[in-house]
Amino acid sequence: MTLSDAIRKRIKNLLKERNMNVWKLYKATGVPASTLSYFMNGKRELITLKTLLHICEGFEIKLADFFNDPLFDDVEQD
Protein backbone atom coordinates (compact mmCIF):
# COMPACT_ATOMS: atom_id res chain seq x y z
CA MET A 1 0.00 0.00 0.00
CA THR A 2 1.30 3.45 -0.86
CA LEU A 3 1.45 6.25 1.67
CA SER A 4 -1.36 8.10 -0.11
CA ASP A 5 -3.54 4.98 -0.04
CA ALA A 6 -2.85 4.49 3.67
CA ILE A 7 -3.72 8.15 4.40
CA ARG A 8 -6.97 7.82 2.43
CA LYS A 9 -7.91 4.65 4.27
CA ARG A 10 -7.07 6.21 7.66
CA ILE A 11 -9.24 9.24 6.88
CA LYS A 12 -12.09 6.95 5.76
CA ASN A 13 -11.77 4.94 8.97
CA LEU A 14 -11.82 8.10 11.10
CA LEU A 15 -14.83 9.43 9.21
CA LYS A 16 -16.67 6.18 9.86
CA GLU A 17 -15.65 6.05 13.54
CA ARG A 18 -16.90 9.60 14.08
CA ASN A 19 -20.01 9.23 11.95
CA MET A 20 -18.81 11.99 9.63
CA ASN A 21 -18.63 12.53 5.88
CA VAL A 22 -16.36 14.68 3.74
CA TRP A 23 -18.78 17.62 4.01
CA LYS A 24 -18.69 17.52 7.83
CA LEU A 25 -14.90 17.24 7.72
CA TYR A 26 -14.77 20.28 5.44
CA LYS A 27 -16.92 22.21 7.92
CA ALA A 28 -14.67 21.16 10.82
CA THR A 29 -11.39 21.97 9.06
CA GLY A 30 -11.94 24.73 6.54
CA VAL A 31 -10.03 22.63 4.00
CA PRO A 32 -11.89 23.13 0.71
CA ALA A 33 -14.38 20.35 0.02
CA SER A 34 -12.92 19.99 -3.49
CA THR A 35 -9.44 19.36 -2.06
CA LEU A 36 -10.80 16.70 0.28
CA SER A 37 -12.94 15.09 -2.43
CA TYR A 38 -10.21 15.04 -5.06
CA PHE A 39 -7.76 13.43 -2.66
CA MET A 40 -10.27 10.93 -1.25
CA ASN A 41 -11.42 9.91 -4.76
CA GLY A 42 -7.84 9.48 -5.96
CA LYS A 43 -8.06 12.34 -8.48
CA ARG A 44 -5.27 14.00 -6.51
CA GLU A 45 -2.49 11.68 -5.44
CA LEU A 46 -0.73 13.89 -2.91
CA ILE A 47 -1.86 15.84 0.12
CA THR A 48 0.24 18.45 1.88
CA LEU A 49 1.31 18.01 5.46
CA LYS A 50 -0.38 21.31 6.30
CA THR A 51 -3.70 20.01 4.91
CA LEU A 52 -3.27 16.76 6.81
CA LEU A 53 -2.65 18.75 9.99
CA HIS A 54 -5.93 20.62 9.45
CA ILE A 55 -7.68 17.30 8.90
CA CYS A 56 -6.27 16.03 12.18
CA GLU A 57 -7.53 19.17 13.90
CA GLY A 58 -10.97 18.47 12.45
CA PHE A 59 -10.84 14.99 13.98
CA GLU A 60 -9.48 16.50 17.21
CA ILE A 61 -6.40 14.31 17.15
CA LYS A 62 -2.69 14.99 16.93
CA LEU A 63 -0.72 14.25 13.79
CA ALA A 64 1.19 11.56 15.72
CA ASP A 65 -2.14 9.89 16.59
CA PHE A 66 -3.12 9.91 12.92
CA PHE A 67 -0.02 7.93 11.97
CA ASN A 68 -0.20 5.67 15.04
CA ASP A 69 -2.15 3.01 13.15
CA PRO A 70 -1.15 -0.39 11.74
CA LEU A 71 -2.03 0.91 8.26
CA PHE A 72 1.32 2.69 8.21
CA ASP A 73 3.44 -0.30 9.25
CA ASP A 74 4.13 -1.57 5.73
CA VAL A 75 3.76 1.55 3.60
CA GLU A 76 5.61 1.56 0.30
CA GLN A 77 7.08 4.64 -1.32
CA ASP A 78 4.67 6.42 -3.73
C-alpha atoms as a PDB file:
ATOM      1  CA  MET A   1       0.000   0.000   0.000  1.00  0.00           C
ATOM      2  CA  THR A   2       1.304   3.446  -0.864  1.00  0.00           C
ATOM      3  CA  LEU A   3       1.454   6.255   1.668  1.00  0.00           C
ATOM      4  CA  SER A   4      -1.358   8.105  -0.112  1.00  0.00           C
ATOM      5  CA  ASP A   5      -3.537   4.979  -0.036  1.00  0.00           C
ATOM      6  CA  ALA A   6      -2.854   4.495   3.670  1.00  0.00           C
ATOM      7  CA  ILE A   7      -3.718   8.145   4.402  1.00  0.00           C
ATOM      8  CA  ARG A   8      -6.965   7.823   2.428  1.00  0.00           C
ATOM      9  CA  LYS A   9      -7.906   4.648   4.275  1.00  0.00           C
ATOM     10  CA  ARG A  10      -7.075   6.210   7.658  1.00  0.00           C
ATOM     11  CA  ILE A  11      -9.236   9.244   6.883  1.00  0.00           C
ATOM     12  CA  LYS A  12     -12.087   6.951   5.756  1.00  0.00           C
ATOM     13  CA  ASN A  13     -11.767   4.942   8.973  1.00  0.00           C
ATOM     14  CA  LEU A  14     -11.818   8.098  11.101  1.00  0.00           C
ATOM     15  CA  LEU A  15     -14.826   9.433   9.208  1.00  0.00           C
ATOM     16  CA  LYS A  16     -16.670   6.184   9.861  1.00  0.00           C
ATOM     17  CA  GLU A  17     -15.651   6.050  13.545  1.00  0.00           C
ATOM     18  CA  ARG A  18     -16.899   9.603  14.083  1.00  0.00           C
ATOM     19  CA  ASN A  19     -20.011   9.231  11.953  1.00  0.00           C
ATOM     20  CA  MET A  20     -18.811  11.991   9.627  1.00  0.00           C
ATOM     21  CA  ASN A  21     -18.626  12.529   5.884  1.00  0.00           C
ATOM     22  CA  VAL A  22     -16.356  14.683   3.738  1.00  0.00           C
ATOM     23  CA  TRP A  23     -18.782  17.620   4.009  1.00  0.00           C
ATOM     24  CA  LYS A  24     -18.694  17.515   7.832  1.00  0.00           C
ATOM     25  CA  LEU A  25     -14.902  17.238   7.719  1.00  0.00           C
ATOM     26  CA  TYR A  26     -14.766  20.283   5.444  1.00  0.00           C
ATOM     27  CA  LYS A  27     -16.920  22.213   7.923  1.00  0.00           C
ATOM     28  CA  ALA A  28     -14.667  21.160  10.824  1.00  0.00           C
ATOM     29  CA  THR A  29     -11.395  21.971   9.058  1.00  0.00           C
ATOM     30  CA  GLY A  30     -11.944  24.727   6.535  1.00  0.00           C
ATOM     31  CA  VAL A  31     -10.032  22.626   3.999  1.00  0.00           C
ATOM     32  CA  PRO A  32     -11.885  23.128   0.709  1.00  0.00           C
ATOM     33  CA  ALA A  33     -14.377  20.352   0.018  1.00  0.00           C
ATOM     34  CA  SER A  34     -12.921  19.991  -3.490  1.00  0.00           C
ATOM     35  CA  THR A  35      -9.439  19.358  -2.063  1.00  0.00           C
ATOM     36  CA  LEU A  36     -10.804  16.697   0.276  1.00  0.00           C
ATOM     37  CA  SER A  37     -12.945  15.093  -2.428  1.00  0.00           C
ATOM     38  CA  TYR A  38     -10.207  15.039  -5.064  1.00  0.00           C
ATOM     39  CA  PHE A  39      -7.765  13.425  -2.659  1.00  0.00           C
ATOM     40  CA  MET A  40     -10.270  10.932  -1.251  1.00  0.00           C
ATOM     41  CA  ASN A  41     -11.417   9.911  -4.764  1.00  0.00           C
ATOM     42  CA  GLY A  42      -7.835   9.476  -5.961  1.00  0.00           C
ATOM     43  CA  LYS A  43      -8.060  12.335  -8.479  1.00  0.00           C
ATOM     44  CA  ARG A  44      -5.273  14.003  -6.515  1.00  0.00           C
ATOM     45  CA  GLU A  45      -2.489  11.681  -5.443  1.00  0.00           C
ATOM     46  CA  LEU A  46      -0.734  13.891  -2.910  1.00  0.00           C
ATOM     47  CA  ILE A  47      -1.862  15.844   0.121  1.00  0.00           C
ATOM     48  CA  THR A  48       0.239  18.454   1.880  1.00  0.00           C
ATOM     49  CA  LEU A  49       1.313  18.006   5.464  1.00  0.00           C
ATOM     50  CA  LYS A  50      -0.382  21.313   6.297  1.00  0.00           C
ATOM     51  CA  THR A  51      -3.696  20.010   4.906  1.00  0.00           C
ATOM     52  CA  LEU A  52      -3.273  16.765   6.811  1.00  0.00           C
ATOM     53  CA  LEU A  53      -2.646  18.750   9.994  1.00  0.00           C
ATOM     54  CA  HIS A  54      -5.929  20.621   9.449  1.00  0.00           C
ATOM     55  CA  ILE A  55      -7.681  17.299   8.898  1.00  0.00           C
ATOM     56  CA  CYS A  56      -6.271  16.032  12.185  1.00  0.00           C
ATOM     57  CA  GLU A  57      -7.528  19.172  13.902  1.00  0.00           C
ATOM     58  CA  GLY A  58     -10.967  18.473  12.450  1.00  0.00           C
ATOM     59  CA  PHE A  59     -10.840  14.990  13.975  1.00  0.00           C
ATOM     60  CA  GLU A  60      -9.480  16.501  17.207  1.00  0.00           C
ATOM     61  CA  ILE A  61      -6.395  14.307  17.147  1.00  0.00           C
ATOM     62  CA  LYS A  62      -2.690  14.993  16.926  1.00  0.00           C
ATOM     63  CA  LEU A  63      -0.717  14.247  13.792  1.00  0.00           C
ATOM     64  CA  ALA A  64       1.186  11.564  15.719  1.00  0.00           C
ATOM     65  CA  ASP A  65      -2.139   9.892  16.592  1.00  0.00           C
ATOM     66  CA  PHE A  66      -3.118   9.909  12.924  1.00  0.00           C
ATOM     67  CA  PHE A  67      -0.021   7.928  11.969  1.00  0.00           C
ATOM     68  CA  ASN A  68      -0.201   5.665  15.036  1.00  0.00           C
ATOM     69  CA  ASP A  69      -2.152   3.011  13.154  1.00  0.00           C
ATOM     70  CA  PRO A  70      -1.154  -0.393  11.738  1.00  0.00           C
ATOM     71  CA  LEU A  71      -2.033   0.909   8.260  1.00  0.00           C
ATOM     72  CA  PHE A  72       1.318   2.686   8.208  1.00  0.00           C
ATOM     73  CA  ASP A  73       3.439  -0.303   9.248  1.00  0.00           C
ATOM     74  CA  ASP A  74       4.130  -1.569   5.734  1.00  0.00           C
ATOM     75  CA  VAL A  75       3.757   1.549   3.604  1.00  0.00           C
ATOM     76  CA  GLU A  76       5.609   1.563   0.296  1.00  0.00           C
ATOM     77  CA  GLN A  77       7.079   4.645  -1.321  1.00  0.00           C
ATOM     78  CA  ASP A  78       4.673   6.415  -3.735  1.00  0.00           C
END
